[in-house]
């Protein structure tokens, strides 16, 4: 799967509507990253708090389960953000190269 995520849309030049859609997608991607970070940090803090104040063994187990869950959430969020950001940058780069080639031909 080496093709960029949005490669099927690269065949035409981007118009203003498409550029605005990409901008909205970038902002949504950043919002999603922040939600992943918030969830991951919340899980880490909850895990540390539960471990610190737990007086029952099974409650400590839940705290220890929250720690890797928080780290996994952070890693998945950053990975998804970078993947989508890379594909959107690729689309813009290809579109700008096409526009530059057409201007030099004219």
N, C-alpha and C. Protein backbone atom coordinates (compact mmCIF):
# COMPACT_ATOMS: atom_id res chain seq x y z
N UNK A 1 0.84 -1.18 0.00
CA UNK A 1 0.00 0.00 0.00
C UNK A 1 0.88 1.23 0.00
N UNK A 2 1.65 1.42 -1.06
CA UNK A 2 2.54 2.56 -1.18
C UNK A 2 1.85 3.79 -1.72
N UNK A 3 0.65 3.64 -2.30
CA UNK A 3 -0.06 4.78 -2.84
C UNK A 3 -0.55 5.67 -1.71
N UNK A 4 -0.48 6.98 -1.92
CA UNK A 4 -1.04 7.88 -0.90
C UNK A 4 -2.54 7.63 -0.74
N UNK A 5 -3.06 8.01 0.38
CA UNK A 5 -4.45 7.75 0.72
C UNK A 5 -5.41 8.39 -0.27
N UNK A 6 -5.12 9.59 -0.75
CA UNK A 6 -5.99 10.31 -1.65
C UNK A 6 -5.50 10.28 -3.10
N UNK A 7 -4.77 9.26 -3.49
CA UNK A 7 -4.16 9.23 -4.82
C UNK A 7 -5.19 9.21 -5.95
N UNK A 8 -6.38 8.73 -5.70
CA UNK A 8 -7.38 8.68 -6.77
C UNK A 8 -7.90 10.06 -7.14
N UNK A 9 -7.66 11.07 -6.31
CA UNK A 9 -8.13 12.41 -6.59
C UNK A 9 -7.07 13.30 -7.22
N UNK A 10 -5.90 12.78 -7.48
CA UNK A 10 -4.78 13.58 -7.96
C UNK A 10 -4.85 13.83 -9.46
N UNK A 11 -5.68 13.12 -10.18
CA UNK A 11 -5.67 13.18 -11.64
C UNK A 11 -6.07 14.54 -12.19
N UNK A 12 -6.73 15.39 -11.46
CA UNK A 12 -7.12 16.70 -11.95
C UNK A 12 -6.49 17.78 -11.07
N UNK A 13 -6.47 19.01 -11.63
CA UNK A 13 -5.98 20.12 -10.83
C UNK A 13 -6.99 20.46 -9.74
N UNK A 14 -6.47 20.91 -8.64
CA UNK A 14 -7.35 21.27 -7.54
C UNK A 14 -7.93 22.66 -7.78
N UNK A 15 -9.22 22.80 -7.56
CA UNK A 15 -9.85 24.11 -7.65
C UNK A 15 -10.03 24.64 -6.24
N UNK A 16 -10.58 25.84 -6.13
CA UNK A 16 -10.71 26.47 -4.81
C UNK A 16 -11.50 25.60 -3.84
N UNK A 17 -12.58 25.02 -4.31
CA UNK A 17 -13.40 24.16 -3.45
C UNK A 17 -12.56 23.01 -2.89
N UNK A 18 -11.70 22.43 -3.73
CA UNK A 18 -10.86 21.33 -3.28
C UNK A 18 -9.80 21.79 -2.28
N UNK A 19 -9.23 22.96 -2.54
CA UNK A 19 -8.24 23.51 -1.60
C UNK A 19 -8.88 23.76 -0.24
N UNK A 20 -10.08 24.31 -0.24
CA UNK A 20 -10.78 24.56 1.02
C UNK A 20 -11.13 23.26 1.73
N UNK A 21 -11.48 22.24 0.96
CA UNK A 21 -11.77 20.94 1.56
C UNK A 21 -10.52 20.35 2.20
N UNK A 22 -9.38 20.54 1.54
CA UNK A 22 -8.12 20.05 2.12
C UNK A 22 -7.80 20.81 3.40
N UNK A 23 -8.04 22.13 3.40
CA UNK A 23 -7.81 22.90 4.62
C UNK A 23 -8.71 22.43 5.76
N UNK A 24 -9.98 22.15 5.46
CA UNK A 24 -10.89 21.63 6.49
C UNK A 24 -10.41 20.27 6.99
N UNK A 25 -9.91 19.46 6.08
CA UNK A 25 -9.42 18.14 6.47
C UNK A 25 -8.18 18.27 7.36
N UNK A 26 -7.31 19.23 7.04
CA UNK A 26 -6.14 19.46 7.89
C UNK A 26 -6.55 19.87 9.30
N UNK A 27 -7.52 20.78 9.39
CA UNK A 27 -7.98 21.22 10.70
C UNK A 27 -8.65 20.07 11.47
N UNK A 28 -9.43 19.26 10.77
CA UNK A 28 -10.06 18.11 11.42
C UNK A 28 -9.01 17.11 11.87
N UNK A 29 -7.95 16.95 11.08
CA UNK A 29 -6.87 16.05 11.44
C UNK A 29 -6.17 16.54 12.71
N UNK A 30 -5.96 17.84 12.81
CA UNK A 30 -5.34 18.39 14.03
C UNK A 30 -6.25 18.22 15.24
N UNK A 31 -7.56 18.44 15.04
CA UNK A 31 -8.51 18.24 16.15
C UNK A 31 -8.51 16.79 16.61
N UNK A 32 -8.43 15.88 15.66
CA UNK A 32 -8.41 14.46 16.00
C UNK A 32 -7.13 14.11 16.76
N UNK A 33 -6.00 14.68 16.34
CA UNK A 33 -4.76 14.45 17.07
C UNK A 33 -4.87 14.94 18.50
N UNK A 34 -5.43 16.12 18.68
CA UNK A 34 -5.58 16.65 20.04
C UNK A 34 -6.51 15.77 20.88
N UNK A 35 -7.54 15.21 20.28
CA UNK A 35 -8.43 14.30 21.01
C UNK A 35 -7.69 13.03 21.43
N UNK A 36 -6.87 12.49 20.52
CA UNK A 36 -6.06 11.32 20.87
C UNK A 36 -5.09 11.65 22.00
N UNK A 37 -4.44 12.80 21.91
CA UNK A 37 -3.49 13.18 22.96
C UNK A 37 -4.20 13.37 24.30
N UNK A 38 -5.36 14.02 24.26
CA UNK A 38 -6.13 14.22 25.50
C UNK A 38 -6.53 12.89 26.10
N UNK A 39 -6.98 11.96 25.27
CA UNK A 39 -7.39 10.65 25.78
C UNK A 39 -6.21 9.87 26.34
N UNK A 40 -5.08 9.91 25.62
CA UNK A 40 -3.90 9.19 26.08
C UNK A 40 -3.35 9.71 27.39
N UNK A 41 -3.28 11.03 27.50
CA UNK A 41 -2.79 11.63 28.74
C UNK A 41 -3.76 11.36 29.88
N UNK A 42 -5.06 11.40 29.59
CA UNK A 42 -6.05 11.11 30.63
C UNK A 42 -5.92 9.68 31.13
N UNK A 43 -5.70 8.75 30.22
CA UNK A 43 -5.51 7.35 30.64
C UNK A 43 -4.24 7.19 31.47
N UNK A 44 -3.18 7.87 31.08
CA UNK A 44 -1.94 7.79 31.86
C UNK A 44 -2.13 8.37 33.26
N UNK A 45 -2.77 9.53 33.34
CA UNK A 45 -2.99 10.16 34.65
C UNK A 45 -3.92 9.29 35.50
N UNK A 46 -4.97 8.74 34.87
CA UNK A 46 -5.88 7.87 35.62
C UNK A 46 -5.14 6.63 36.13
N UNK A 47 -4.29 6.05 35.29
CA UNK A 47 -3.55 4.87 35.71
C UNK A 47 -2.63 5.15 36.88
N UNK A 48 -1.91 6.26 36.81
CA UNK A 48 -0.99 6.61 37.91
C UNK A 48 -1.79 6.90 39.19
N UNK A 49 -2.89 7.60 39.06
CA UNK A 49 -3.71 7.92 40.23
C UNK A 49 -4.31 6.68 40.86
N UNK A 50 -4.81 5.79 40.04
CA UNK A 50 -5.40 4.55 40.56
C UNK A 50 -4.35 3.71 41.26
N UNK A 51 -3.17 3.61 40.66
CA UNK A 51 -2.09 2.83 41.28
C UNK A 51 -1.68 3.44 42.62
N UNK A 52 -1.61 4.75 42.65
CA UNK A 52 -1.16 5.44 43.87
C UNK A 52 -2.16 5.27 45.02
N UNK A 53 -3.46 5.36 44.71
CA UNK A 53 -4.47 5.34 45.77
C UNK A 53 -5.17 4.00 45.95
N UNK A 54 -4.80 3.00 45.18
CA UNK A 54 -5.48 1.70 45.25
C UNK A 54 -5.13 0.98 46.55
N UNK A 55 -6.16 0.43 47.17
CA UNK A 55 -5.93 -0.35 48.38
C UNK A 55 -6.30 -1.82 48.15
N UNK A 56 -6.92 -2.09 47.00
CA UNK A 56 -7.32 -3.44 46.66
C UNK A 56 -6.52 -3.86 45.44
N UNK A 57 -6.15 -5.15 45.42
CA UNK A 57 -5.28 -5.64 44.34
C UNK A 57 -5.90 -5.46 42.96
N UNK A 58 -7.16 -5.83 42.78
CA UNK A 58 -7.79 -5.76 41.45
C UNK A 58 -7.89 -4.33 40.96
N UNK A 59 -7.99 -3.39 41.88
CA UNK A 59 -8.03 -1.98 41.50
C UNK A 59 -6.67 -1.53 40.97
N UNK A 60 -5.60 -2.05 41.56
CA UNK A 60 -4.25 -1.76 41.06
C UNK A 60 -4.04 -2.34 39.67
N UNK A 61 -4.62 -3.50 39.40
CA UNK A 61 -4.52 -4.12 38.08
C UNK A 61 -5.15 -3.21 37.03
N UNK A 62 -6.29 -2.61 37.36
CA UNK A 62 -6.93 -1.67 36.43
C UNK A 62 -6.01 -0.48 36.18
N UNK A 63 -5.37 0.02 37.21
CA UNK A 63 -4.43 1.13 37.05
C UNK A 63 -3.26 0.77 36.16
N UNK A 64 -2.72 -0.44 36.35
CA UNK A 64 -1.61 -0.88 35.50
C UNK A 64 -2.06 -1.12 34.06
N UNK A 65 -3.33 -1.46 33.86
CA UNK A 65 -3.86 -1.64 32.50
C UNK A 65 -4.05 -0.29 31.79
N UNK A 66 -4.29 0.75 32.56
CA UNK A 66 -4.48 2.08 31.96
C UNK A 66 -3.18 2.65 31.40
N UNK A 67 -2.06 2.32 31.97
CA UNK A 67 -0.78 2.87 31.51
C UNK A 67 -0.44 2.47 30.08
N UNK A 68 -0.41 1.19 29.73
CA UNK A 68 -0.11 0.86 28.32
C UNK A 68 -1.23 1.31 27.38
N UNK A 69 -2.46 1.33 27.87
CA UNK A 69 -3.56 1.81 27.03
C UNK A 69 -3.35 3.27 26.65
N UNK A 70 -2.91 4.08 27.61
CA UNK A 70 -2.63 5.48 27.32
C UNK A 70 -1.49 5.66 26.35
N UNK A 71 -0.44 4.89 26.51
CA UNK A 71 0.71 4.99 25.60
C UNK A 71 0.32 4.54 24.19
N UNK A 72 -0.46 3.46 24.10
CA UNK A 72 -0.91 2.98 22.78
C UNK A 72 -1.80 4.02 22.11
N UNK A 73 -2.67 4.65 22.88
CA UNK A 73 -3.54 5.70 22.33
C UNK A 73 -2.72 6.86 21.79
N UNK A 74 -1.69 7.27 22.52
CA UNK A 74 -0.83 8.36 22.06
C UNK A 74 -0.12 7.98 20.75
N UNK A 75 0.42 6.79 20.70
CA UNK A 75 1.16 6.35 19.51
C UNK A 75 0.24 6.25 18.29
N UNK A 76 -0.93 5.67 18.48
CA UNK A 76 -1.88 5.55 17.36
C UNK A 76 -2.29 6.93 16.86
N UNK A 77 -2.55 7.85 17.77
CA UNK A 77 -2.96 9.20 17.37
C UNK A 77 -1.89 9.92 16.58
N UNK A 78 -0.66 9.84 17.01
CA UNK A 78 0.43 10.50 16.30
C UNK A 78 0.66 9.84 14.94
N UNK A 79 0.58 8.51 14.89
CA UNK A 79 0.77 7.79 13.63
C UNK A 79 -0.30 8.17 12.61
N UNK A 80 -1.55 8.20 13.05
CA UNK A 80 -2.65 8.56 12.13
C UNK A 80 -2.51 9.99 11.64
N UNK A 81 -2.14 10.90 12.54
CA UNK A 81 -1.96 12.30 12.16
C UNK A 81 -0.88 12.44 11.09
N UNK A 82 0.24 11.79 11.30
CA UNK A 82 1.34 11.89 10.35
C UNK A 82 0.97 11.28 9.00
N UNK A 83 0.26 10.15 9.00
CA UNK A 83 -0.13 9.50 7.75
C UNK A 83 -1.06 10.38 6.92
N UNK A 84 -2.08 10.94 7.53
CA UNK A 84 -3.03 11.79 6.81
C UNK A 84 -2.36 13.08 6.38
N UNK A 85 -1.54 13.65 7.23
CA UNK A 85 -0.83 14.90 6.90
C UNK A 85 0.10 14.69 5.71
N UNK A 86 0.77 13.56 5.67
CA UNK A 86 1.68 13.25 4.57
C UNK A 86 0.92 13.10 3.25
N UNK A 87 -0.25 12.43 3.29
CA UNK A 87 -1.00 12.26 2.05
C UNK A 87 -1.56 13.58 1.54
N UNK A 88 -2.01 14.44 2.43
CA UNK A 88 -2.53 15.74 1.99
C UNK A 88 -1.41 16.61 1.43
N UNK A 89 -0.25 16.56 2.02
CA UNK A 89 0.89 17.33 1.50
C UNK A 89 1.29 16.80 0.13
N UNK A 90 1.21 15.50 -0.06
CA UNK A 90 1.54 14.90 -1.35
C UNK A 90 0.58 15.38 -2.44
N UNK A 91 -0.69 15.46 -2.13
CA UNK A 91 -1.68 15.93 -3.10
C UNK A 91 -1.40 17.37 -3.49
N UNK A 92 -1.14 18.20 -2.51
CA UNK A 92 -0.85 19.61 -2.82
C UNK A 92 0.43 19.75 -3.64
N UNK A 93 1.44 18.96 -3.32
CA UNK A 93 2.71 19.04 -4.04
C UNK A 93 2.52 18.66 -5.50
N UNK A 94 1.80 17.59 -5.76
CA UNK A 94 1.55 17.15 -7.14
C UNK A 94 0.73 18.19 -7.89
N UNK A 95 -0.26 18.75 -7.25
CA UNK A 95 -1.10 19.74 -7.90
C UNK A 95 -0.30 20.98 -8.26
N UNK A 96 0.57 21.43 -7.36
CA UNK A 96 1.38 22.62 -7.63
C UNK A 96 2.38 22.36 -8.76
N UNK A 97 2.92 21.15 -8.85
CA UNK A 97 3.84 20.81 -9.93
C UNK A 97 3.11 20.85 -11.27
N UNK A 98 1.89 20.35 -11.31
CA UNK A 98 1.12 20.38 -12.55
C UNK A 98 0.82 21.79 -12.98
N UNK A 99 0.43 22.63 -12.04
CA UNK A 99 0.12 24.02 -12.37
C UNK A 99 1.38 24.72 -12.89
N UNK A 100 2.52 24.45 -12.28
CA UNK A 100 3.78 25.06 -12.72
C UNK A 100 4.15 24.58 -14.12
N UNK A 101 3.96 23.31 -14.41
CA UNK A 101 4.26 22.79 -15.75
C UNK A 101 3.36 23.44 -16.81
N UNK A 102 2.08 23.60 -16.49
CA UNK A 102 1.16 24.21 -17.44
C UNK A 102 1.49 25.68 -17.69
N UNK A 103 1.95 26.37 -16.66
CA UNK A 103 2.32 27.78 -16.84
C UNK A 103 3.57 27.92 -17.71
N UNK A 104 4.50 26.99 -17.57
CA UNK A 104 5.70 27.07 -18.39
C UNK A 104 5.41 26.72 -19.85
N UNK A 105 4.42 25.87 -20.09
CA UNK A 105 4.03 25.54 -21.47
C UNK A 105 3.34 26.70 -22.16
N UNK A 106 2.59 27.48 -21.40
CA UNK A 106 1.84 28.59 -22.00
C UNK A 106 2.68 29.76 -22.37
